Amino acid sequence: MKNFLQPGLKFEFKFKVPENKTVPYLYPESPEFQAMPKVLATGFMVGLFEWTCIQAINPHIDWHREQTVGIDLKLNHIAATPPGLTVTVNVKLEEVEGRKLVFSIVADDGIDKISEGTHERFIINAAKFNAKMATKINSK
């Protein structure tokens, strides 16, 4: 981790919602999801927020050797977004506690605020993390 990583870092990311990020695509094997409206799925929204935080932080860590993993989410999903609208995600790094990073998040679709909340990520050594996961897989 580079020593200039400080609270206050801001980042904005825009993503035009395609049909394949709507609820029926979340778990195609789920008949319940298949019957639901084609709006941005909360699961894909969470992934979009993680992606935004990753993009915000990567210039400030030794990417690829260091990476970040999500460890906590506290979000709402207060408005539906149909395909074709662009979601704008704004994140701000609120806290740096060692290798733990705390972000605030606000997102809108150009018409409504769709979500706000917080997301925590942890900076990892990718090689060590992957070795630990390999051990876990091999212990099955």
Foldseek 3Di string as FASTA:
>chain_A
DAPVDDFFQKFKDKDQAAQCQFQCNPDVVDPVSVPDDSWHDPVVVVVVQVVRVQVSCVVVDPPPQKGKDWDDWDKDFADTHHGGFMKMKMKTFHDDDPQKTKIWIWIDRVPDTGMTTMTIMGMDRVVVVVVVVVVVVVVD
